[in-house]
């Protein structure tokens, strides 16, 4: 049982890594989309934007919730990773919906 207490929960770490990678991938795909770097087509860049703005934060949220629950039950390390990932992915999701709201509000008027 001592070995399980010393181990860091992998799901919490995976959620943390995904929540860190989402804004980086979003920034890179935004550069591709705006023709700053003209080597990638706009279709691929738009898919990357959707993945990094919506899919990755939700996946990070799911991994971090499961990681937080499992690490609490098994008394493992990794609760800090899970909590940090919850905060970051929550902010990323709110930012995504805020961006959609701004896009729709400017398109209507």
C-alpha atoms as a PDB file:
ATOM      1  CA  UNK A   1       0.000   0.000   0.000  1.00  0.00           C
ATOM      2  CA  UNK A   2       2.950   2.349   0.588  1.00  0.00           C
ATOM      3  CA  UNK A   3       3.901   2.099  -3.079  1.00  0.00           C
ATOM      4  CA  UNK A   4       0.420   3.244  -4.148  1.00  0.00           C
ATOM      5  CA  UNK A   5       0.603   6.270  -1.835  1.00  0.00           C
ATOM      6  CA  UNK A   6       3.881   7.424  -3.398  1.00  0.00           C
ATOM      7  CA  UNK A   7       2.688   7.114  -6.992  1.00  0.00           C
ATOM      8  CA  UNK A   8       1.273  10.086  -8.834  1.00  0.00           C
ATOM      9  CA  UNK A   9      -2.091   9.585 -10.467  1.00  0.00           C
ATOM     10  CA  UNK A  10      -1.580   9.324 -14.213  1.00  0.00           C
ATOM     11  CA  UNK A  11      -5.037  10.600 -15.137  1.00  0.00           C
ATOM     12  CA  UNK A  12      -4.450  13.833 -13.227  1.00  0.00           C
ATOM     13  CA  UNK A  13      -1.118  14.347 -14.992  1.00  0.00           C
ATOM     14  CA  UNK A  14      -2.663  13.581 -18.410  1.00  0.00           C
ATOM     15  CA  UNK A  15      -5.420  16.115 -17.756  1.00  0.00           C
ATOM     16  CA  UNK A  16      -2.810  18.688 -16.726  1.00  0.00           C
ATOM     17  CA  UNK A  17      -0.740  18.124 -19.869  1.00  0.00           C
ATOM     18  CA  UNK A  18      -3.794  18.384 -22.132  1.00  0.00           C
ATOM     19  CA  UNK A  19      -4.917  21.590 -20.431  1.00  0.00           C
ATOM     20  CA  UNK A  20      -1.444  23.065 -20.976  1.00  0.00           C
ATOM     21  CA  UNK A  21      -1.256  21.932 -24.603  1.00  0.00           C
ATOM     22  CA  UNK A  22      -4.665  23.321 -25.646  1.00  0.00           C
ATOM     23  CA  UNK A  23      -3.760  27.052 -25.588  1.00  0.00           C
ATOM     24  CA  UNK A  24      -0.416  26.368 -27.269  1.00  0.00           C
ATOM     25  CA  UNK A  25      -2.085  24.418 -30.070  1.00  0.00           C
ATOM     26  CA  UNK A  26      -4.737  27.127 -30.365  1.00  0.00           C
ATOM     27  CA  UNK A  27      -2.073  29.814 -30.768  1.00  0.00           C
ATOM     28  CA  UNK A  28      -0.172  27.855 -33.392  1.00  0.00           C
ATOM     29  CA  UNK A  29      -3.322  27.066 -35.374  1.00  0.00           C
ATOM     30  CA  UNK A  30      -4.430  30.708 -35.127  1.00  0.00           C
ATOM     31  CA  UNK A  31      -1.117  31.738 -36.693  1.00  0.00           C
ATOM     32  CA  UNK A  32      -1.629  29.200 -39.473  1.00  0.00           C
ATOM     33  CA  UNK A  33      -5.186  30.382 -40.073  1.00  0.00           C
ATOM     34  CA  UNK A  34      -4.228  34.041 -40.370  1.00  0.00           C
ATOM     35  CA  UNK A  35      -1.589  33.274 -43.038  1.00  0.00           C
ATOM     36  CA  UNK A  36       1.298  34.321 -40.853  1.00  0.00           C
ATOM     37  CA  UNK A  37       2.727  30.917 -41.610  1.00  0.00           C
ATOM     38  CA  UNK A  38       1.489  29.925 -45.071  1.00  0.00           C
ATOM     39  CA  UNK A  39       2.515  26.283 -45.126  1.00  0.00           C
ATOM     40  CA  UNK A  40      -0.740  24.804 -43.854  1.00  0.00           C
ATOM     41  CA  UNK A  41      -4.151  25.030 -45.441  1.00  0.00           C
ATOM     42  CA  UNK A  42      -6.976  26.907 -43.720  1.00  0.00           C
ATOM     43  CA  UNK A  43      -9.023  23.725 -43.417  1.00  0.00           C
ATOM     44  CA  UNK A  44      -6.416  22.006 -41.301  1.00  0.00           C
ATOM     45  CA  UNK A  45      -5.936  25.126 -39.211  1.00  0.00           C
ATOM     46  CA  UNK A  46      -9.673  25.434 -38.614  1.00  0.00           C
ATOM     47  CA  UNK A  47      -9.820  21.801 -37.466  1.00  0.00           C
ATOM     48  CA  UNK A  48      -6.950  22.469 -35.080  1.00  0.00           C
ATOM     49  CA  UNK A  49      -8.724  25.539 -33.736  1.00  0.00           C
ATOM     50  CA  UNK A  50     -11.884  23.547 -33.041  1.00  0.00           C
ATOM     51  CA  UNK A  51      -9.916  20.738 -31.416  1.00  0.00           C
ATOM     52  CA  UNK A  52      -7.853  23.033 -29.239  1.00  0.00           C
ATOM     53  CA  UNK A  53     -10.703  25.349 -28.279  1.00  0.00           C
ATOM     54  CA  UNK A  54     -13.418  22.806 -27.548  1.00  0.00           C
ATOM     55  CA  UNK A  55     -12.381  19.163 -27.557  1.00  0.00           C
ATOM     56  CA  UNK A  56      -9.095  19.351 -25.640  1.00  0.00           C
ATOM     57  CA  UNK A  57     -10.393  21.415 -22.677  1.00  0.00           C
ATOM     58  CA  UNK A  58     -13.365  19.063 -22.257  1.00  0.00           C
ATOM     59  CA  UNK A  59     -11.051  16.049 -22.386  1.00  0.00           C
ATOM     60  CA  UNK A  60      -8.747  17.703 -19.831  1.00  0.00           C
ATOM     61  CA  UNK A  61     -11.744  18.410 -17.605  1.00  0.00           C
ATOM     62  CA  UNK A  62     -12.877  14.786 -17.752  1.00  0.00           C
ATOM     63  CA  UNK A  63      -9.384  13.401 -17.088  1.00  0.00           C
ATOM     64  CA  UNK A  64      -8.803  15.764 -14.179  1.00  0.00           C
ATOM     65  CA  UNK A  65     -12.169  15.029 -12.526  1.00  0.00           C
ATOM     66  CA  UNK A  66     -11.552  11.288 -12.761  1.00  0.00           C
ATOM     67  CA  UNK A  67      -7.949  11.762 -11.632  1.00  0.00           C
ATOM     68  CA  UNK A  68      -9.038  13.830  -8.629  1.00  0.00           C
ATOM     69  CA  UNK A  69     -11.617  11.250  -7.567  1.00  0.00           C
ATOM     70  CA  UNK A  70      -9.267   8.298  -8.030  1.00  0.00           C
ATOM     71  CA  UNK A  71      -6.324   9.995  -6.316  1.00  0.00           C
ATOM     72  CA  UNK A  72      -8.529  10.890  -3.353  1.00  0.00           C
ATOM     73  CA  UNK A  73      -9.853   7.344  -3.008  1.00  0.00           C
ATOM     74  CA  UNK A  74      -6.441   5.674  -3.397  1.00  0.00           C
ATOM     75  CA  UNK A  75      -4.604   8.392  -1.452  1.00  0.00           C
ATOM     76  CA  UNK A  76      -2.209   9.009  -4.315  1.00  0.00           C
ATOM     77  CA  UNK A  77      -0.310  12.124  -5.272  1.00  0.00           C
ATOM     78  CA  UNK A  78      -1.583  14.251  -8.114  1.00  0.00           C
ATOM     79  CA  UNK A  79      -4.425  16.185  -6.520  1.00  0.00           C
ATOM     80  CA  UNK A  80      -2.619  19.447  -7.273  1.00  0.00           C
ATOM     81  CA  UNK A  81      -2.279  18.504 -10.937  1.00  0.00           C
ATOM     82  CA  UNK A  82      -5.982  17.653 -11.080  1.00  0.00           C
ATOM     83  CA  UNK A  83      -7.087  20.872  -9.366  1.00  0.00           C
ATOM     84  CA  UNK A  84      -4.824  23.017 -11.562  1.00  0.00           C
ATOM     85  CA  UNK A  85      -6.138  21.241 -14.650  1.00  0.00           C
ATOM     86  CA  UNK A  86      -9.733  21.766 -13.503  1.00  0.00           C
ATOM     87  CA  UNK A  87      -9.114  25.496 -13.170  1.00  0.00           C
ATOM     88  CA  UNK A  88      -7.243  25.835 -16.480  1.00  0.00           C
ATOM     89  CA  UNK A  89      -9.675  23.748 -18.518  1.00  0.00           C
ATOM     90  CA  UNK A  90     -12.635  25.532 -16.950  1.00  0.00           C
ATOM     91  CA  UNK A  91     -11.154  28.886 -17.949  1.00  0.00           C
ATOM     92  CA  UNK A  92     -10.440  27.558 -21.446  1.00  0.00           C
ATOM     93  CA  UNK A  93     -14.040  26.378 -21.833  1.00  0.00           C
ATOM     94  CA  UNK A  94     -15.371  29.716 -20.591  1.00  0.00           C
ATOM     95  CA  UNK A  95     -13.043  31.497 -23.005  1.00  0.00           C
ATOM     96  CA  UNK A  96     -14.258  29.349 -25.882  1.00  0.00           C
ATOM     97  CA  UNK A  97     -17.892  30.124 -25.147  1.00  0.00           C
ATOM     98  CA  UNK A  98     -17.024  33.787 -24.661  1.00  0.00           C
ATOM     99  CA  UNK A  99     -15.360  33.799 -28.070  1.00  0.00           C
ATOM    100  CA  UNK A 100     -18.414  32.210 -29.652  1.00  0.00           C
ATOM    101  CA  UNK A 101     -20.644  34.795 -27.991  1.00  0.00           C
ATOM    102  CA  UNK A 102     -18.484  37.659 -29.242  1.00  0.00           C
ATOM    103  CA  UNK A 103     -18.357  36.176 -32.733  1.00  0.00           C
ATOM    104  CA  UNK A 104     -22.127  35.764 -32.881  1.00  0.00           C
ATOM    105  CA  UNK A 105     -22.843  39.179 -31.392  1.00  0.00           C
ATOM    106  CA  UNK A 106     -20.640  40.933 -33.934  1.00  0.00           C
ATOM    107  CA  UNK A 107     -22.040  38.875 -36.814  1.00  0.00           C
ATOM    108  CA  UNK A 108     -25.647  39.703 -35.956  1.00  0.00           C
ATOM    109  CA  UNK A 109     -25.194  43.463 -35.634  1.00  0.00           C
END
